[in-house]
């Protein structure tokens, strides 16, 4: 087993996982390479929406993230993790099916993760803050 691809522990909402798995099984997304996202879902510990910590990135969470792509290129973004139907191409809403979206799911403030990007590159994502999380706002079944 390789330790070079060590990932932080993963806690996910049971409801999010059910919805993502249904999405991945739908005809329009079956042809996409979703192996990395499926692997993340399989290794996750699941919890009920009301039992999730407020600093955890769940679906529809808005977070401040630093992305380091390459040795010197670092940028901060405020990103909202969404389902593909809610992605508007603005760059502020990131689909769970995009590599960065898959990487963000289940991270907590202070977590970092290296994630493969298109073209064989890798990026390091670091979660700086959670600005809004539906579960913390009482929106448990959005």
N, C-alpha and C. Protein backbone atom coordinates (compact mmCIF):
# COMPACT_ATOMS: atom_id res chain seq x y z
N UNK A 1 0.84 -1.18 0.00
CA UNK A 1 0.00 0.00 0.00
C UNK A 1 0.88 1.24 0.00
N UNK A 2 0.58 2.18 -0.85
CA UNK A 2 1.37 3.40 -0.99
C UNK A 2 0.94 4.46 0.01
N UNK A 3 1.91 5.10 0.64
CA UNK A 3 1.58 6.19 1.55
C UNK A 3 1.75 7.54 0.89
N UNK A 4 2.19 7.54 -0.37
CA UNK A 4 2.40 8.81 -1.06
C UNK A 4 1.06 9.50 -1.39
N UNK A 5 -0.01 8.75 -1.37
CA UNK A 5 -1.31 9.33 -1.68
C UNK A 5 -2.19 9.35 -0.43
N UNK A 6 -1.58 9.67 0.71
CA UNK A 6 -2.29 9.67 1.99
C UNK A 6 -3.35 10.76 1.98
N UNK A 7 -4.54 10.40 2.38
CA UNK A 7 -5.64 11.35 2.40
C UNK A 7 -6.16 11.46 3.82
N UNK A 8 -6.68 12.64 4.17
CA UNK A 8 -7.20 12.82 5.53
C UNK A 8 -8.42 11.94 5.76
N UNK A 9 -8.74 11.66 7.04
CA UNK A 9 -9.96 10.90 7.34
C UNK A 9 -11.15 11.60 6.68
N UNK A 10 -12.14 10.83 6.32
CA UNK A 10 -13.27 11.37 5.58
C UNK A 10 -14.59 11.07 6.28
N UNK A 11 -15.29 12.12 6.66
CA UNK A 11 -16.61 12.02 7.26
C UNK A 11 -17.58 12.69 6.29
N UNK A 12 -18.64 11.97 5.93
CA UNK A 12 -19.62 12.50 4.98
C UNK A 12 -21.03 12.33 5.51
N UNK A 13 -21.92 13.17 4.99
CA UNK A 13 -23.34 13.06 5.29
C UNK A 13 -23.90 11.83 4.58
N UNK A 14 -24.64 11.03 5.31
CA UNK A 14 -25.29 9.86 4.71
C UNK A 14 -26.18 10.31 3.54
N UNK A 15 -26.89 11.40 3.71
CA UNK A 15 -27.78 11.90 2.68
C UNK A 15 -27.00 12.34 1.43
N UNK A 16 -25.89 13.05 1.63
CA UNK A 16 -25.05 13.46 0.50
C UNK A 16 -24.56 12.24 -0.28
N UNK A 17 -24.08 11.22 0.44
CA UNK A 17 -23.55 10.03 -0.23
C UNK A 17 -24.64 9.33 -1.02
N UNK A 18 -25.83 9.20 -0.46
CA UNK A 18 -26.93 8.57 -1.20
C UNK A 18 -27.23 9.34 -2.48
N UNK A 19 -27.27 10.66 -2.40
CA UNK A 19 -27.57 11.47 -3.58
C UNK A 19 -26.44 11.41 -4.61
N UNK A 20 -25.20 11.43 -4.16
CA UNK A 20 -24.06 11.36 -5.09
C UNK A 20 -24.02 10.00 -5.78
N UNK A 21 -24.25 8.93 -5.02
CA UNK A 21 -24.25 7.60 -5.63
C UNK A 21 -25.35 7.48 -6.68
N UNK A 22 -26.53 8.02 -6.41
CA UNK A 22 -27.62 8.01 -7.39
C UNK A 22 -27.22 8.80 -8.63
N UNK A 23 -26.56 9.92 -8.42
CA UNK A 23 -26.09 10.75 -9.53
C UNK A 23 -25.10 9.96 -10.40
N UNK A 24 -24.14 9.30 -9.75
CA UNK A 24 -23.12 8.55 -10.48
C UNK A 24 -23.72 7.38 -11.26
N UNK A 25 -24.83 6.85 -10.78
CA UNK A 25 -25.48 5.73 -11.46
C UNK A 25 -26.45 6.18 -12.55
N UNK A 26 -26.69 7.49 -12.68
CA UNK A 26 -27.63 7.97 -13.70
C UNK A 26 -26.97 7.90 -15.08
N UNK A 27 -27.77 7.65 -16.12
CA UNK A 27 -27.22 7.42 -17.47
C UNK A 27 -26.29 8.53 -17.97
N UNK A 28 -26.60 9.79 -17.70
CA UNK A 28 -25.78 10.87 -18.28
C UNK A 28 -24.39 10.96 -17.67
N UNK A 29 -24.14 10.32 -16.53
CA UNK A 29 -22.82 10.41 -15.90
C UNK A 29 -22.07 9.09 -15.86
N UNK A 30 -22.68 8.01 -16.33
CA UNK A 30 -22.03 6.69 -16.28
C UNK A 30 -20.75 6.63 -17.08
N UNK A 31 -20.65 7.43 -18.14
CA UNK A 31 -19.46 7.36 -19.00
C UNK A 31 -18.29 8.18 -18.47
N UNK A 32 -18.52 9.01 -17.45
CA UNK A 32 -17.43 9.81 -16.88
C UNK A 32 -16.51 8.94 -16.03
N UNK A 33 -15.25 9.34 -15.94
CA UNK A 33 -14.31 8.65 -15.06
C UNK A 33 -14.51 9.20 -13.65
N UNK A 34 -15.27 8.46 -12.86
CA UNK A 34 -15.58 8.90 -11.49
C UNK A 34 -14.95 7.96 -10.46
N UNK A 35 -13.92 7.25 -10.87
CA UNK A 35 -13.29 6.26 -9.97
C UNK A 35 -12.78 6.91 -8.69
N UNK A 36 -12.14 8.08 -8.78
CA UNK A 36 -11.59 8.73 -7.59
C UNK A 36 -12.70 9.12 -6.63
N UNK A 37 -13.79 9.66 -7.16
CA UNK A 37 -14.92 10.03 -6.31
C UNK A 37 -15.55 8.80 -5.68
N UNK A 38 -15.72 7.76 -6.45
CA UNK A 38 -16.29 6.51 -5.91
C UNK A 38 -15.41 5.94 -4.80
N UNK A 39 -14.09 6.01 -4.99
CA UNK A 39 -13.17 5.54 -3.95
C UNK A 39 -13.34 6.34 -2.66
N UNK A 40 -13.51 7.65 -2.80
CA UNK A 40 -13.71 8.51 -1.63
C UNK A 40 -15.00 8.13 -0.91
N UNK A 41 -16.07 7.90 -1.65
CA UNK A 41 -17.34 7.54 -1.04
C UNK A 41 -17.23 6.22 -0.29
N UNK A 42 -16.49 5.27 -0.87
CA UNK A 42 -16.35 3.95 -0.25
C UNK A 42 -15.55 4.00 1.04
N UNK A 43 -14.56 4.89 1.14
CA UNK A 43 -13.72 4.91 2.33
C UNK A 43 -14.29 5.79 3.45
N UNK A 44 -15.35 6.52 3.15
CA UNK A 44 -15.89 7.50 4.10
C UNK A 44 -16.63 6.86 5.26
N UNK A 45 -16.56 7.55 6.39
CA UNK A 45 -17.43 7.25 7.52
C UNK A 45 -18.67 8.12 7.33
N UNK A 46 -19.85 7.53 7.51
CA UNK A 46 -21.09 8.26 7.27
C UNK A 46 -21.72 8.70 8.59
N UNK A 47 -22.35 9.87 8.57
CA UNK A 47 -23.06 10.38 9.73
C UNK A 47 -24.36 11.03 9.26
N UNK A 48 -25.30 11.12 10.15
CA UNK A 48 -26.56 11.80 9.84
C UNK A 48 -26.28 13.30 9.70
N UNK A 49 -27.03 14.00 8.84
CA UNK A 49 -26.76 15.43 8.61
C UNK A 49 -26.70 16.26 9.89
N UNK A 50 -27.55 16.00 10.84
CA UNK A 50 -27.57 16.80 12.07
C UNK A 50 -26.39 16.55 13.00
N UNK A 51 -25.61 15.52 12.72
CA UNK A 51 -24.48 15.16 13.59
C UNK A 51 -23.14 15.60 13.02
N UNK A 52 -23.15 16.36 11.94
CA UNK A 52 -21.90 16.76 11.29
C UNK A 52 -21.30 18.00 11.94
N UNK A 53 -19.97 18.06 12.05
CA UNK A 53 -19.33 19.27 12.56
C UNK A 53 -19.51 20.44 11.59
N UNK A 54 -19.58 21.65 12.11
CA UNK A 54 -19.86 22.84 11.30
C UNK A 54 -18.70 23.24 10.38
N UNK A 55 -17.50 22.69 10.61
CA UNK A 55 -16.35 23.06 9.77
C UNK A 55 -16.07 22.04 8.67
N UNK A 56 -17.04 21.18 8.38
CA UNK A 56 -16.91 20.12 7.38
C UNK A 56 -17.53 20.56 6.06
N UNK A 57 -16.85 20.28 4.95
CA UNK A 57 -17.42 20.61 3.64
C UNK A 57 -18.36 19.49 3.21
N UNK A 58 -19.63 19.85 3.09
CA UNK A 58 -20.68 18.96 2.61
C UNK A 58 -21.20 19.53 1.30
N UNK A 59 -22.15 18.87 0.69
CA UNK A 59 -22.75 19.41 -0.52
C UNK A 59 -23.43 20.73 -0.20
N UNK A 60 -23.26 21.70 -1.08
CA UNK A 60 -23.82 23.05 -0.97
C UNK A 60 -23.14 23.90 0.10
N UNK A 61 -21.97 23.48 0.55
CA UNK A 61 -21.17 24.27 1.48
C UNK A 61 -20.34 25.28 0.68
N UNK A 62 -20.22 26.49 1.25
CA UNK A 62 -19.34 27.50 0.68
C UNK A 62 -18.12 27.60 1.57
N UNK A 63 -16.94 27.47 0.97
CA UNK A 63 -15.69 27.46 1.74
C UNK A 63 -14.66 28.36 1.09
N UNK A 64 -13.76 28.89 1.91
CA UNK A 64 -12.60 29.62 1.43
C UNK A 64 -11.46 28.61 1.34
N UNK A 65 -10.92 28.47 0.13
CA UNK A 65 -9.93 27.43 -0.14
C UNK A 65 -8.72 28.05 -0.82
N UNK A 66 -7.54 27.62 -0.38
CA UNK A 66 -6.31 27.98 -1.08
C UNK A 66 -5.93 26.80 -1.95
N UNK A 67 -5.70 27.08 -3.23
CA UNK A 67 -5.31 26.04 -4.19
C UNK A 67 -3.89 26.34 -4.64
N UNK A 68 -3.00 25.39 -4.43
CA UNK A 68 -1.62 25.52 -4.89
C UNK A 68 -1.46 24.55 -6.06
N UNK A 69 -1.32 25.13 -7.25
CA UNK A 69 -1.21 24.36 -8.48
C UNK A 69 0.18 24.62 -9.05
N UNK A 70 1.09 23.71 -8.80
CA UNK A 70 2.48 23.92 -9.19
C UNK A 70 3.26 24.43 -7.98
N UNK A 71 4.51 24.79 -8.20
CA UNK A 71 5.39 25.15 -7.09
C UNK A 71 5.12 26.54 -6.54
N UNK A 72 4.68 27.48 -7.37
CA UNK A 72 4.53 28.85 -6.90
C UNK A 72 3.12 29.40 -7.05
N UNK A 73 2.28 28.77 -7.81
CA UNK A 73 0.98 29.31 -8.16
C UNK A 73 -0.05 28.98 -7.09
N UNK A 74 -0.35 29.93 -6.20
CA UNK A 74 -1.33 29.73 -5.14
C UNK A 74 -2.39 30.82 -5.23
N UNK A 75 -3.63 30.39 -5.14
CA UNK A 75 -4.75 31.34 -5.20
C UNK A 75 -5.77 30.96 -4.16
N UNK A 76 -6.48 31.97 -3.63
CA UNK A 76 -7.60 31.72 -2.72
C UNK A 76 -8.89 31.90 -3.49
N UNK A 77 -9.83 31.00 -3.21
CA UNK A 77 -11.12 31.03 -3.87
C UNK A 77 -12.21 30.80 -2.83
N UNK A 78 -13.35 31.45 -3.04
CA UNK A 78 -14.53 31.10 -2.28
C UNK A 78 -15.37 30.22 -3.20
N UNK A 79 -15.50 28.97 -2.84
CA UNK A 79 -16.14 27.97 -3.68
C UNK A 79 -17.35 27.37 -2.98
N UNK A 80 -18.39 27.09 -3.75
CA UNK A 80 -19.54 26.36 -3.24
C UNK A 80 -19.59 25.02 -3.96
N UNK A 81 -19.62 23.94 -3.20
CA UNK A 81 -19.66 22.59 -3.75
C UNK A 81 -21.10 22.24 -4.10
N UNK A 82 -21.36 21.98 -5.39
CA UNK A 82 -22.74 21.77 -5.84
C UNK A 82 -22.88 20.51 -6.68
N UNK A 83 -24.13 20.12 -6.89
CA UNK A 83 -24.45 19.06 -7.84
C UNK A 83 -24.33 19.64 -9.24
N UNK A 84 -24.07 18.80 -10.25
CA UNK A 84 -23.86 19.31 -11.61
C UNK A 84 -24.97 20.25 -12.10
N UNK A 85 -26.20 19.98 -11.74
CA UNK A 85 -27.32 20.81 -12.22
C UNK A 85 -27.24 22.24 -11.70
N UNK A 86 -26.51 22.45 -10.58
CA UNK A 86 -26.41 23.78 -9.98
C UNK A 86 -25.12 24.51 -10.37
N UNK A 87 -24.25 23.84 -11.09
CA UNK A 87 -23.00 24.46 -11.54
C UNK A 87 -23.34 25.42 -12.68
N UNK A 88 -22.90 26.67 -12.55
CA UNK A 88 -23.28 27.68 -13.54
C UNK A 88 -22.11 28.16 -14.39
N UNK A 89 -20.96 27.52 -14.25
CA UNK A 89 -19.81 27.90 -15.05
C UNK A 89 -19.10 29.14 -14.55
N UNK A 90 -19.53 29.69 -13.43
CA UNK A 90 -18.94 30.93 -12.92
C UNK A 90 -17.58 30.72 -12.27
N UNK A 91 -17.28 29.49 -11.93
CA UNK A 91 -16.03 29.23 -11.20
C UNK A 91 -16.24 29.32 -9.70
N UNK A 92 -17.32 29.90 -9.26
CA UNK A 92 -17.62 29.98 -7.83
C UNK A 92 -18.39 28.77 -7.35
N UNK A 93 -19.11 28.13 -8.27
CA UNK A 93 -19.85 26.91 -7.96
C UNK A 93 -19.14 25.76 -8.63
N UNK A 94 -18.64 24.83 -7.82
CA UNK A 94 -17.84 23.72 -8.32
C UNK A 94 -18.66 22.44 -8.23
N UNK A 95 -18.79 21.75 -9.35
CA UNK A 95 -19.52 20.49 -9.39
C UNK A 95 -18.77 19.41 -8.62
N UNK A 96 -19.53 18.57 -7.94
CA UNK A 96 -18.96 17.42 -7.25
C UNK A 96 -18.24 16.50 -8.24
N UNK A 97 -18.59 16.57 -9.53
CA UNK A 97 -17.96 15.72 -10.54
C UNK A 97 -16.67 16.30 -11.08
N UNK A 98 -16.35 17.55 -10.76
CA UNK A 98 -15.07 18.14 -11.15
C UNK A 98 -13.99 17.64 -10.19
N UNK A 99 -12.75 17.50 -10.66
CA UNK A 99 -11.69 17.02 -9.75
C UNK A 99 -11.58 17.82 -8.45
N UNK A 100 -11.65 19.13 -8.53
CA UNK A 100 -11.55 19.95 -7.32
C UNK A 100 -12.76 19.72 -6.43
N UNK A 101 -13.94 19.56 -7.02
CA UNK A 101 -15.15 19.30 -6.24
C UNK A 101 -15.06 17.99 -5.48
N UNK A 102 -14.61 16.95 -6.16
CA UNK A 102 -14.43 15.65 -5.51
C UNK A 102 -13.43 15.74 -4.37
N UNK A 103 -12.40 16.54 -4.57
CA UNK A 103 -11.36 16.68 -3.54
C UNK A 103 -11.89 17.41 -2.31
N UNK A 104 -12.76 18.38 -2.50
CA UNK A 104 -13.25 19.19 -1.38
C UNK A 104 -14.20 18.43 -0.46
N UNK A 105 -14.99 17.54 -1.01
CA UNK A 105 -16.01 16.85 -0.23
C UNK A 105 -15.41 16.16 1.00
N UNK A 106 -15.91 16.51 2.16
CA UNK A 106 -15.49 15.87 3.40
C UNK A 106 -14.28 16.48 4.08
N UNK A 107 -13.67 17.48 3.46
CA UNK A 107 -12.54 18.15 4.11
C UNK A 107 -13.05 19.06 5.21
N UNK A 108 -12.19 19.33 6.20
CA UNK A 108 -12.52 20.23 7.29
C UNK A 108 -11.54 21.39 7.29
N UNK A 109 -11.91 22.47 7.97
CA UNK A 109 -11.02 23.62 8.08
C UNK A 109 -9.68 23.15 8.61
N UNK A 110 -8.61 23.55 7.92
CA UNK A 110 -7.25 23.15 8.29
C UNK A 110 -6.74 21.95 7.52
N UNK A 111 -7.64 21.20 6.87
CA UNK A 111 -7.22 20.05 6.07
C UNK A 111 -6.60 20.49 4.76
N UNK A 112 -5.65 19.68 4.30
CA UNK A 112 -5.06 19.84 2.97
C UNK A 112 -5.10 18.50 2.28
N UNK A 113 -5.17 18.53 0.97
CA UNK A 113 -5.17 17.28 0.22
C UNK A 113 -4.53 17.53 -1.14
N UNK A 114 -3.74 16.57 -1.60
CA UNK A 114 -3.20 16.62 -2.95
C UNK A 114 -4.19 15.87 -3.83
N UNK A 115 -4.51 16.46 -4.97
CA UNK A 115 -5.52 15.88 -5.83
C UNK A 115 -5.08 15.95 -7.28
N UNK A 116 -5.25 14.83 -8.03
CA UNK A 116 -4.87 14.85 -9.45
C UNK A 116 -5.77 15.79 -10.24
N UNK A 117 -5.15 16.51 -11.15
CA UNK A 117 -5.86 17.46 -12.01
C UNK A 117 -5.71 17.02 -13.46
N UNK A 118 -6.50 17.61 -14.37
CA UNK A 118 -6.36 17.26 -15.78
C UNK A 118 -4.93 17.52 -16.28
N UNK A 119 -4.51 16.74 -17.23
CA UNK A 119 -3.19 16.93 -17.83
C UNK A 119 -2.06 16.35 -17.00
N UNK A 120 -2.38 15.50 -16.01
CA UNK A 120 -1.35 14.86 -15.22
C UNK A 120 -0.78 15.71 -14.10
N UNK A 121 -1.31 16.93 -13.93
CA UNK A 121 -0.84 17.80 -12.85
C UNK A 121 -1.46 17.37 -11.53
N UNK A 122 -0.97 17.96 -10.47
CA UNK A 122 -1.54 17.75 -9.14
C UNK A 122 -1.67 19.11 -8.48
N UNK A 123 -2.70 19.26 -7.68
CA UNK A 123 -2.90 20.51 -6.94
C UNK A 123 -3.05 20.17 -5.47
N UNK A 124 -2.62 21.10 -4.60
CA UNK A 124 -2.82 20.95 -3.16
C UNK A 124 -3.91 21.92 -2.76
N UNK A 125 -4.95 21.37 -2.15
CA UNK A 125 -6.07 22.18 -1.67
C UNK A 125 -5.94 22.31 -0.15
N UNK A 126 -6.13 23.53 0.34
CA UNK A 126 -6.09 23.76 1.78
C UNK A 126 -7.34 24.54 2.16
N UNK A 127 -8.13 23.99 3.09
CA UNK A 127 -9.37 24.63 3.51
C UNK A 127 -9.07 25.66 4.59
N UNK A 128 -9.35 26.92 4.29
CA UNK A 128 -9.08 28.01 5.22
C UNK A 128 -10.27 28.32 6.12
N UNK A 129 -11.50 28.23 5.59
CA UNK A 129 -12.70 28.56 6.37
C UNK A 129 -13.93 27.98 5.70
N UNK A 130 -14.94 27.69 6.49
CA UNK A 130 -16.26 27.35 5.97
C UNK A 130 -17.15 28.56 6.21
N UNK A 131 -17.62 29.15 5.12
CA UNK A 131 -18.45 30.36 5.20
C UNK A 131 -19.91 30.02 5.45
N UNK A 132 -20.36 28.90 4.87
CA UNK A 132 -21.76 28.47 5.02
C UNK A 132 -21.80 26.97 4.84
N UNK A 133 -22.49 26.30 5.76
CA UNK A 133 -22.73 24.87 5.63
C UNK A 133 -24.22 24.64 5.90
N UNK A 134 -24.94 24.01 4.97
CA UNK A 134 -26.39 23.84 5.15
C UNK A 134 -26.76 23.16 6.47
N UNK A 135 -26.03 22.13 6.84
CA UNK A 135 -26.37 21.39 8.07
C UNK A 135 -26.24 22.30 9.30
N UNK A 136 -25.18 23.10 9.35
CA UNK A 136 -24.99 24.02 10.49
C UNK A 136 -26.07 25.09 10.51
N UNK A 137 -26.63 25.40 9.33
CA UNK A 137 -27.70 26.40 9.23
C UNK A 137 -29.08 25.79 9.50
N UNK A 138 -29.11 24.50 9.82
CA UNK A 138 -30.38 23.82 10.11
C UNK A 138 -31.09 23.29 8.87
N UNK A 139 -30.45 23.37 7.73
CA UNK A 139 -31.03 22.87 6.48
C UNK A 139 -30.56 21.44 6.26
N UNK A 140 -31.17 20.52 7.01
CA UNK A 140 -30.66 19.15 7.06
C UNK A 140 -31.04 18.30 5.84
N UNK A 141 -32.06 18.68 5.12
CA UNK A 141 -32.53 17.84 4.00
C UNK A 141 -32.65 18.62 2.72
N UNK A 142 -31.77 19.62 2.52
CA UNK A 142 -31.85 20.48 1.35
C UNK A 142 -31.71 19.71 0.07
